[in-house]
N, C-alpha and C. Protein backbone atom coordinates (compact mmCIF):
# COMPACT_ATOMS: atom_id res chain seq x y z
N MET A 1 -3.41 8.83 -8.53
CA MET A 1 -2.81 7.16 -7.91
C MET A 1 -2.04 6.96 -6.99
N GLU A 2 -1.70 7.46 -6.08
CA GLU A 2 -1.06 7.66 -4.33
C GLU A 2 -2.48 7.71 -3.47
N GLY A 3 -3.66 8.18 -4.15
CA GLY A 3 -4.70 8.29 -3.44
C GLY A 3 -5.76 7.12 -3.26
N ASP A 4 -5.52 6.45 -4.19
CA ASP A 4 -5.89 5.11 -4.81
C ASP A 4 -5.48 4.35 -4.16
N ARG A 5 -3.94 4.11 -4.47
CA ARG A 5 -3.08 3.29 -2.93
C ARG A 5 -3.28 3.43 -1.55
N ALA A 6 -3.30 5.01 -0.90
CA ALA A 6 -3.28 4.94 0.17
C ALA A 6 -5.13 4.86 0.73
N HIS A 7 -5.72 4.55 0.20
CA HIS A 7 -7.24 4.54 0.32
C HIS A 7 -7.75 3.00 0.46
N GLY A 8 -6.52 2.10 -0.40
CA GLY A 8 -7.15 0.92 -0.74
C GLY A 8 -7.51 0.35 -1.97
N CYS A 9 -7.47 1.44 -2.88
CA CYS A 9 -8.72 1.11 -4.35
C CYS A 9 -7.51 0.17 -5.16
N ILE A 10 -7.80 -0.69 -5.59
CA ILE A 10 -6.54 -1.09 -5.75
C ILE A 10 -6.98 -1.04 -7.73
N THR A 11 -7.03 0.03 -8.32
CA THR A 11 -6.91 0.09 -9.51
C THR A 11 -6.26 -0.43 -10.79
N LEU A 12 -6.53 -0.35 -12.19
CA LEU A 12 -5.35 -0.73 -12.85
C LEU A 12 -4.36 -0.09 -13.00
N PRO A 13 -3.62 0.86 -12.60
CA PRO A 13 -2.41 1.59 -12.51
C PRO A 13 -2.09 1.22 -11.30
N VAL A 14 -2.70 1.00 -10.49
CA VAL A 14 -1.86 0.72 -9.17
C VAL A 14 -1.97 -0.66 -9.09
N ARG A 15 -2.71 -1.66 -9.60
CA ARG A 15 -2.13 -2.80 -9.43
C ARG A 15 -0.81 -3.98 -11.03
N PHE A 16 -1.31 -2.59 -11.97
CA PHE A 16 -0.18 -3.65 -13.19
C PHE A 16 0.31 -2.16 -13.37
N GLY A 17 0.40 -1.29 -12.90
CA GLY A 17 1.35 0.04 -13.52
C GLY A 17 1.26 0.57 -14.01
N VAL A 18 1.38 1.82 -14.81
CA VAL A 18 1.08 2.55 -15.82
C VAL A 18 0.47 2.58 -16.81
N ARG A 19 1.57 1.98 -17.44
CA ARG A 19 2.14 1.57 -18.57
C ARG A 19 1.15 0.30 -19.24
N LYS A 20 1.80 -0.48 -18.33
CA LYS A 20 0.45 -1.91 -18.76
C LYS A 20 -0.63 -1.57 -18.87
N ALA A 21 -1.30 -0.87 -17.60
CA ALA A 21 -2.71 -0.48 -17.73
C ALA A 21 -3.17 0.49 -19.26
N ALA A 22 -2.70 1.58 -19.23
CA ALA A 22 -2.69 1.92 -21.06
C ALA A 22 -2.36 1.11 -22.02
N LYS A 23 -1.81 -0.01 -21.48
CA LYS A 23 -2.19 -0.66 -22.79
C LYS A 23 -3.73 -1.61 -22.40
N MET A 24 -3.76 -1.77 -21.99
CA MET A 24 -5.00 -2.97 -21.27
C MET A 24 -6.38 -2.12 -21.84
N MET A 25 -6.22 -0.82 -21.37
CA MET A 25 -7.41 0.24 -21.53
C MET A 25 -7.59 0.11 -23.33
N ALA A 26 -6.36 0.77 -23.83
CA ALA A 26 -6.54 1.64 -25.59
C ALA A 26 -7.99 0.32 -25.89
N PRO A 27 -7.67 -0.53 -26.21
CA PRO A 27 -8.84 -1.54 -26.92
C PRO A 27 -10.53 -0.65 -26.95
N PHE A 28 -10.64 -0.82 -25.45
CA PHE A 28 -11.73 -0.36 -24.75
C PHE A 28 -12.29 1.16 -25.39
N PHE A 29 -11.29 1.74 -26.21
CA PHE A 29 -11.51 3.09 -26.81
C PHE A 29 -11.54 2.87 -28.08
N VAL A 30 -12.04 1.49 -28.71
CA VAL A 30 -12.46 1.19 -30.29
C VAL A 30 -13.35 0.22 -30.52
N LEU A 31 -12.73 -1.49 -29.52
CA LEU A 31 -13.62 -2.06 -30.15
C LEU A 31 -15.56 -2.26 -29.42
N PRO A 32 -15.36 -1.68 -28.25
CA PRO A 32 -16.85 -0.96 -28.09
C PRO A 32 -17.93 -0.88 -29.61
N TRP A 33 -17.32 0.22 -30.06
CA TRP A 33 -17.71 1.17 -31.15
C TRP A 33 -17.96 0.09 -32.21
N LEU A 34 -16.99 -0.85 -32.91
CA LEU A 34 -17.41 -1.69 -33.67
C LEU A 34 -18.47 -2.70 -33.66
N LEU A 35 -19.63 -2.79 -32.17
CA LEU A 35 -19.71 -3.39 -32.38
C LEU A 35 -21.16 -2.34 -32.96
N ILE A 36 -21.33 -1.58 -32.97
CA ILE A 36 -22.77 -1.02 -33.16
C ILE A 36 -22.63 -1.15 -34.55
N PRO A 37 -21.97 -0.98 -35.94
CA PRO A 37 -22.20 -1.69 -36.97
C PRO A 37 -22.98 -3.28 -37.13
N LEU A 38 -22.01 -4.01 -36.12
CA LEU A 38 -22.09 -5.51 -36.17
C LEU A 38 -23.74 -5.37 -36.19
N PHE A 39 -23.92 -4.75 -34.54
CA PHE A 39 -25.54 -5.09 -34.19
C PHE A 39 -26.77 -4.34 -35.35
N ALA A 40 -26.37 -3.60 -35.79
CA ALA A 40 -26.88 -3.14 -37.10
C ALA A 40 -27.33 -3.84 -37.93
N PHE A 41 -26.80 -5.05 -38.29
CA PHE A 41 -27.14 -5.92 -39.11
C PHE A 41 -27.44 -7.88 -38.46
N LEU A 42 -26.71 -7.90 -37.47
CA LEU A 42 -27.13 -8.76 -36.97
C LEU A 42 -28.60 -9.70 -36.05
N PRO A 43 -29.24 -10.26 -36.74
CA PRO A 43 -30.65 -10.13 -35.86
C PRO A 43 -30.77 -10.91 -34.40
N ASP A 44 -32.03 -9.96 -34.73
CA ASP A 44 -32.36 -9.91 -32.45
C ASP A 44 -32.85 -11.65 -32.62
N PRO A 45 -32.28 -12.28 -31.85
CA PRO A 45 -32.57 -13.69 -31.51
C PRO A 45 -34.01 -13.54 -31.33
N ALA A 46 -34.69 -12.74 -30.41
CA ALA A 46 -35.91 -12.99 -29.97
C ALA A 46 -37.03 -12.94 -31.25
N ASN A 47 -36.72 -12.00 -31.90
CA ASN A 47 -37.12 -11.70 -33.05
C ASN A 47 -36.31 -11.78 -34.44
N PRO A 48 -36.32 -12.16 -35.16
CA PRO A 48 -34.88 -12.72 -36.27
C PRO A 48 -35.10 -11.89 -37.15
N ALA A 49 -36.53 -11.36 -37.55
CA ALA A 49 -36.83 -10.54 -38.83
C ALA A 49 -35.96 -9.22 -38.54
N GLU A 50 -36.00 -8.43 -36.86
CA GLU A 50 -35.12 -7.34 -36.83
C GLU A 50 -33.58 -7.24 -36.63
N PRO A 51 -33.23 -6.77 -36.88
CA PRO A 51 -31.81 -6.51 -36.19
C PRO A 51 -31.71 -6.13 -34.86
N LEU A 52 -30.31 -6.50 -33.94
CA LEU A 52 -30.37 -6.33 -32.54
C LEU A 52 -30.88 -4.59 -32.41
N LEU A 53 -30.26 -3.66 -33.76
CA LEU A 53 -30.36 -2.48 -32.76
C LEU A 53 -31.38 -1.77 -34.72
N THR A 54 -32.30 -1.11 -34.17
CA THR A 54 -33.03 -1.52 -35.10
C THR A 54 -32.98 0.33 -35.32
N GLY A 55 -32.25 1.46 -35.05
CA GLY A 55 -31.95 2.76 -35.37
C GLY A 55 -31.87 2.63 -37.28
N ASN A 56 -31.93 3.88 -37.79
CA ASN A 56 -31.22 4.06 -38.91
C ASN A 56 -30.10 3.51 -39.57
N ARG A 57 -30.22 2.57 -40.02
CA ARG A 57 -28.59 1.68 -40.35
C ARG A 57 -27.64 1.98 -40.88
N PRO A 58 -27.78 2.93 -42.11
CA PRO A 58 -27.20 4.04 -42.25
C PRO A 58 -25.92 4.78 -41.73
N LEU A 59 -27.02 5.19 -40.84
CA LEU A 59 -26.60 6.03 -39.47
C LEU A 59 -25.32 5.49 -38.43
N LEU A 60 -26.21 4.46 -38.08
CA LEU A 60 -25.33 3.67 -36.82
C LEU A 60 -24.36 2.90 -37.27
N VAL A 61 -24.07 2.37 -38.36
CA VAL A 61 -22.80 1.74 -38.82
C VAL A 61 -22.28 2.77 -39.05
N ALA A 62 -22.37 4.15 -39.39
CA ALA A 62 -21.21 5.70 -39.56
C ALA A 62 -20.98 6.06 -38.33
N LEU A 63 -22.02 6.26 -37.54
CA LEU A 63 -21.56 6.08 -36.18
C LEU A 63 -20.26 5.38 -35.70
N GLY A 64 -20.81 4.14 -35.85
CA GLY A 64 -19.39 3.13 -35.24
C GLY A 64 -18.92 3.51 -35.41
N LEU A 65 -18.58 3.52 -36.86
CA LEU A 65 -16.36 3.53 -37.53
C LEU A 65 -16.76 4.90 -37.09
N LEU A 66 -17.11 6.26 -36.85
CA LEU A 66 -16.39 6.65 -37.02
C LEU A 66 -15.81 7.19 -35.22
N LEU A 67 -16.67 6.67 -34.82
CA LEU A 67 -15.90 6.62 -33.32
C LEU A 67 -15.05 5.53 -33.13
N ALA A 68 -14.43 4.70 -33.67
CA ALA A 68 -13.63 3.58 -33.71
C ALA A 68 -12.82 4.25 -33.95
N ALA A 69 -12.80 5.53 -35.21
CA ALA A 69 -11.28 6.21 -35.58
C ALA A 69 -11.26 7.22 -34.34
N TRP A 70 -12.15 7.46 -33.88
CA TRP A 70 -11.73 8.67 -33.04
C TRP A 70 -11.70 8.30 -31.74
N GLY A 71 -11.74 7.11 -31.41
CA GLY A 71 -11.68 5.84 -30.22
C GLY A 71 -9.65 5.91 -30.60
N ALA A 72 -9.38 5.18 -32.04
CA ALA A 72 -8.03 4.79 -32.00
C ALA A 72 -7.09 6.36 -32.08
N TYR A 73 -7.81 7.44 -31.90
CA TYR A 73 -6.97 8.75 -32.03
C TYR A 73 -6.70 9.29 -30.19
N ALA A 74 -7.53 8.61 -30.23
CA ALA A 74 -7.69 8.93 -27.94
C ALA A 74 -6.88 7.97 -27.81
N ALA A 75 -6.68 6.44 -28.60
CA ALA A 75 -5.59 5.50 -27.39
C ALA A 75 -4.26 5.83 -27.85
N ARG A 76 -4.28 6.42 -29.48
CA ARG A 76 -3.20 6.37 -29.00
C ARG A 76 -2.62 7.43 -28.92
N LEU A 77 -3.29 8.49 -28.16
CA LEU A 77 -2.73 9.46 -27.29
C LEU A 77 -2.59 9.40 -26.13
N LEU A 78 -3.69 8.16 -26.05
CA LEU A 78 -3.08 7.81 -24.35
C LEU A 78 -1.36 7.05 -24.39
N LEU A 79 -1.04 6.13 -25.47
CA LEU A 79 -0.54 5.32 -25.16
C LEU A 79 0.93 5.75 -25.78
N GLN A 80 1.15 7.05 -26.57
CA GLN A 80 1.95 8.40 -26.41
C GLN A 80 3.10 8.41 -25.51
N ASN A 81 2.45 8.83 -23.98
CA ASN A 81 3.11 8.84 -22.72
C ASN A 81 1.90 9.13 -21.91
N PRO A 82 2.01 7.36 -21.37
CA PRO A 82 1.10 6.93 -20.44
C PRO A 82 1.92 7.13 -19.45
N ASP A 83 2.97 7.52 -18.90
CA ASP A 83 3.26 8.12 -17.70
C ASP A 83 2.88 9.35 -17.03
N GLU A 84 2.42 9.83 -18.59
CA GLU A 84 1.92 11.27 -18.06
C GLU A 84 0.65 11.39 -17.22
N LEU A 85 -0.05 9.66 -17.53
CA LEU A 85 -1.52 9.38 -16.69
C LEU A 85 -1.37 9.35 -15.16
N ALA A 86 -0.18 9.30 -14.87
CA ALA A 86 -0.30 9.59 -13.40
C ALA A 86 0.14 10.61 -12.24
N SER A 87 1.00 11.90 -13.82
CA SER A 87 1.22 13.30 -13.29
C SER A 87 0.20 13.85 -13.70
N THR A 88 -0.88 14.14 -14.14
CA THR A 88 -1.57 15.01 -14.18
C THR A 88 -2.63 14.64 -14.41
N GLU A 89 -4.00 15.53 -13.70
CA GLU A 89 -5.11 15.59 -13.81
C GLU A 89 -6.06 14.94 -14.70
N ASN A 90 -5.90 15.80 -15.78
CA ASN A 90 -6.19 15.50 -16.87
C ASN A 90 -5.88 15.62 -18.05
N HIS A 91 -5.53 14.27 -18.80
CA HIS A 91 -4.55 13.55 -19.53
C HIS A 91 -5.73 14.18 -20.95
N PRO A 92 -4.77 13.88 -21.55
CA PRO A 92 -5.84 14.67 -23.21
C PRO A 92 -7.00 13.58 -23.91
N ALA A 93 -6.52 12.31 -23.27
CA ALA A 93 -6.94 11.26 -23.79
C ALA A 93 -8.53 10.65 -23.09
N TRP A 94 -8.58 11.29 -22.23
CA TRP A 94 -9.37 11.29 -21.00
C TRP A 94 -10.54 12.40 -21.62
N THR A 95 -9.97 13.66 -21.68
CA THR A 95 -10.71 14.70 -22.61
C THR A 95 -11.43 13.66 -23.87
N HIS A 96 -10.89 13.50 -24.86
CA HIS A 96 -11.24 12.86 -25.84
C HIS A 96 -12.13 11.25 -25.77
N MET A 97 -12.03 10.56 -24.58
CA MET A 97 -12.85 9.83 -23.90
C MET A 97 -14.49 9.87 -23.31
N TYR A 98 -14.60 11.36 -22.75
CA TYR A 98 -15.65 12.00 -21.93
C TYR A 98 -17.09 12.11 -23.56
N LEU A 99 -15.83 13.15 -24.69
CA LEU A 99 -16.53 13.48 -25.64
C LEU A 99 -17.09 12.74 -26.22
N LEU A 100 -16.29 11.75 -26.59
CA LEU A 100 -16.71 10.11 -27.49
C LEU A 100 -18.06 10.15 -26.99
N MET A 101 -17.80 9.61 -25.56
CA MET A 101 -19.52 8.94 -25.03
C MET A 101 -20.45 10.23 -25.10
N MET A 102 -20.01 11.15 -25.37
CA MET A 102 -21.68 12.54 -25.56
C MET A 102 -21.60 11.91 -27.21
N ALA A 103 -20.63 12.19 -27.30
CA ALA A 103 -21.45 11.85 -28.95
C ALA A 103 -22.00 10.48 -29.63
N GLY A 104 -21.52 9.25 -28.90
CA GLY A 104 -22.41 8.59 -29.37
C GLY A 104 -23.62 8.51 -28.68
N GLN A 105 -23.75 9.21 -27.35
CA GLN A 105 -25.25 9.16 -26.67
C GLN A 105 -26.31 10.20 -28.43
N VAL A 106 -25.25 11.53 -28.02
CA VAL A 106 -26.28 12.07 -29.54
C VAL A 106 -26.41 11.27 -30.54
N GLY A 107 -25.47 10.19 -30.77
CA GLY A 107 -25.66 9.67 -32.19
C GLY A 107 -26.56 9.08 -32.14
N PHE A 108 -26.66 7.58 -31.23
CA PHE A 108 -27.62 6.98 -31.07
C PHE A 108 -29.44 8.00 -31.23
N ALA A 109 -29.39 9.02 -30.26
CA ALA A 109 -30.94 9.75 -30.60
C ALA A 109 -30.78 9.99 -31.85
N VAL A 110 -30.09 10.64 -32.28
CA VAL A 110 -30.37 10.56 -34.55
C VAL A 110 -30.64 9.74 -34.96
N ALA A 111 -29.96 8.19 -34.64
CA ALA A 111 -29.92 7.68 -35.70
C ALA A 111 -31.57 6.49 -35.29
N TYR A 112 -31.96 7.08 -34.19
CA TYR A 112 -33.45 6.03 -33.36
C TYR A 112 -34.34 7.55 -33.81
N LEU A 113 -34.44 8.86 -33.64
CA LEU A 113 -34.78 9.73 -34.02
C LEU A 113 -35.76 9.44 -35.59
N LEU A 114 -34.65 9.48 -36.58
CA LEU A 114 -34.48 9.39 -38.26
C LEU A 114 -35.47 8.23 -38.79
């Protein structure tokens, strides 16, 4: 954080403080994943006969719900001790965030290959 501040990079923790920044970030560990099941059912405006996501619907729904639950766990880790974000290089929540992104990519590949 000090490096951000020293170089004029106004990140959320610099601007709002670590605790408030963690509360602002937490929903984004969950909410985007919940869009996957929703988009598996919503019709495509350009082609109403097809859903927005055309992969394997049961897999997309399961993927979205699983990743949202995992994201909730990562958000809980983030909010348990937000001050640790400013004192350690690799908070456990970040590890889960990176794993979530990788699992999302693999999950989409599987849903579209099957």
